[in-house]
């Protein structure tokens, strides 16, 4: 039986966009307003998409980047 991936505690700070959404592989999302930071749990090797939202009423999202959980700053 394979060993489960290591659970990590990471942090993301939004300094550039009005609102950013972190979308995880399992489908859950975390929203972060400009000028704030949030900590989150992720698994080693998990891919997290960083999406910018400029108008919350439109539903449009622009993908800024797609990063592995290991590449985010440690908490």
Protein backbone atom coordinates (compact mmCIF):
# COMPACT_ATOMS: atom_id res chain seq x y z
CA UNK A 1 0.00 0.00 0.00
CA UNK A 2 1.47 3.40 -0.95
CA UNK A 3 2.10 5.97 1.75
CA UNK A 4 -0.24 8.98 1.69
CA UNK A 5 1.26 12.34 0.66
CA UNK A 6 2.57 14.64 3.36
CA UNK A 7 0.15 17.31 4.60
CA UNK A 8 1.58 20.84 4.40
CA UNK A 9 0.60 24.16 5.99
CA UNK A 10 1.11 26.93 3.41
CA UNK A 11 0.32 30.64 3.01
CA UNK A 12 -0.65 32.92 0.11
CA UNK A 13 -0.64 36.72 0.17
CA UNK A 14 -2.64 38.69 -2.41
CA UNK A 15 -0.81 41.93 -3.16
CA UNK A 16 -1.76 42.58 -6.81
CA UNK A 17 -5.35 41.66 -7.69
CA UNK A 18 -8.69 42.88 -6.23
CA UNK A 19 -9.72 39.30 -5.37
CA UNK A 20 -7.92 35.98 -5.82
CA UNK A 21 -9.30 32.45 -5.60
CA UNK A 22 -7.15 29.42 -4.84
CA UNK A 23 -8.76 26.34 -6.45
CA UNK A 24 -7.63 22.96 -5.15
CA UNK A 25 -7.66 19.59 -6.92
CA UNK A 26 -10.59 18.34 -4.83
CA UNK A 27 -12.69 21.32 -5.99
CA UNK A 28 -12.77 23.49 -2.89
CA UNK A 29 -11.81 27.15 -3.16
CA UNK A 30 -10.42 29.84 -0.88
CA UNK A 31 -11.02 33.53 -1.62
CA UNK A 32 -8.46 36.19 -0.68
CA UNK A 33 -9.04 39.95 -0.87
CA UNK A 34 -6.27 42.33 -1.95
CA UNK A 35 -3.87 43.24 0.85
CA UNK A 36 -4.60 40.13 2.91
CA UNK A 37 -3.07 36.69 3.34
CA UNK A 38 -4.52 33.31 4.23
CA UNK A 39 -3.07 30.04 5.43
CA UNK A 40 -4.28 26.72 4.13
CA UNK A 41 -3.60 23.00 4.29
CA UNK A 42 -2.56 21.13 1.16
CA UNK A 43 -0.90 17.86 0.26
CA UNK A 44 2.61 17.62 -1.12
CA UNK A 45 2.46 17.48 -4.92
CA UNK A 46 -1.09 18.86 -5.13
CA UNK A 47 -1.68 21.38 -7.93
CA UNK A 48 -3.38 24.62 -6.92
CA UNK A 49 -4.72 27.10 -9.48
CA UNK A 50 -4.51 30.82 -8.66
CA UNK A 51 -7.41 32.71 -10.27
CA UNK A 52 -7.97 36.49 -10.35
CA UNK A 53 -11.48 37.94 -10.16
CA UNK A 54 -11.87 41.56 -11.28
CA UNK A 55 -15.70 41.75 -11.29
CA UNK A 56 -17.42 39.43 -8.81
CA UNK A 57 -20.81 39.89 -10.48
CA UNK A 58 -19.67 38.60 -13.89
CA UNK A 59 -18.35 35.18 -12.82
CA UNK A 60 -15.29 35.58 -15.05
CA UNK A 61 -11.96 34.37 -13.69
CA UNK A 62 -8.48 34.79 -15.12
CA UNK A 63 -5.91 32.11 -14.34
CA UNK A 64 -2.77 33.77 -12.98
CA UNK A 65 -0.78 30.60 -12.36
CA UNK A 66 -0.91 26.92 -11.55
CA UNK A 67 1.51 25.94 -8.79
CA UNK A 68 2.36 22.88 -6.76
CA UNK A 69 1.58 23.14 -3.04
CA UNK A 70 5.27 22.76 -2.25
CA UNK A 71 6.00 26.07 -4.10
CA UNK A 72 3.85 28.24 -1.79
CA UNK A 73 5.38 29.99 1.23
CA UNK A 74 5.45 27.98 4.47
CA UNK A 75 3.22 29.08 7.32
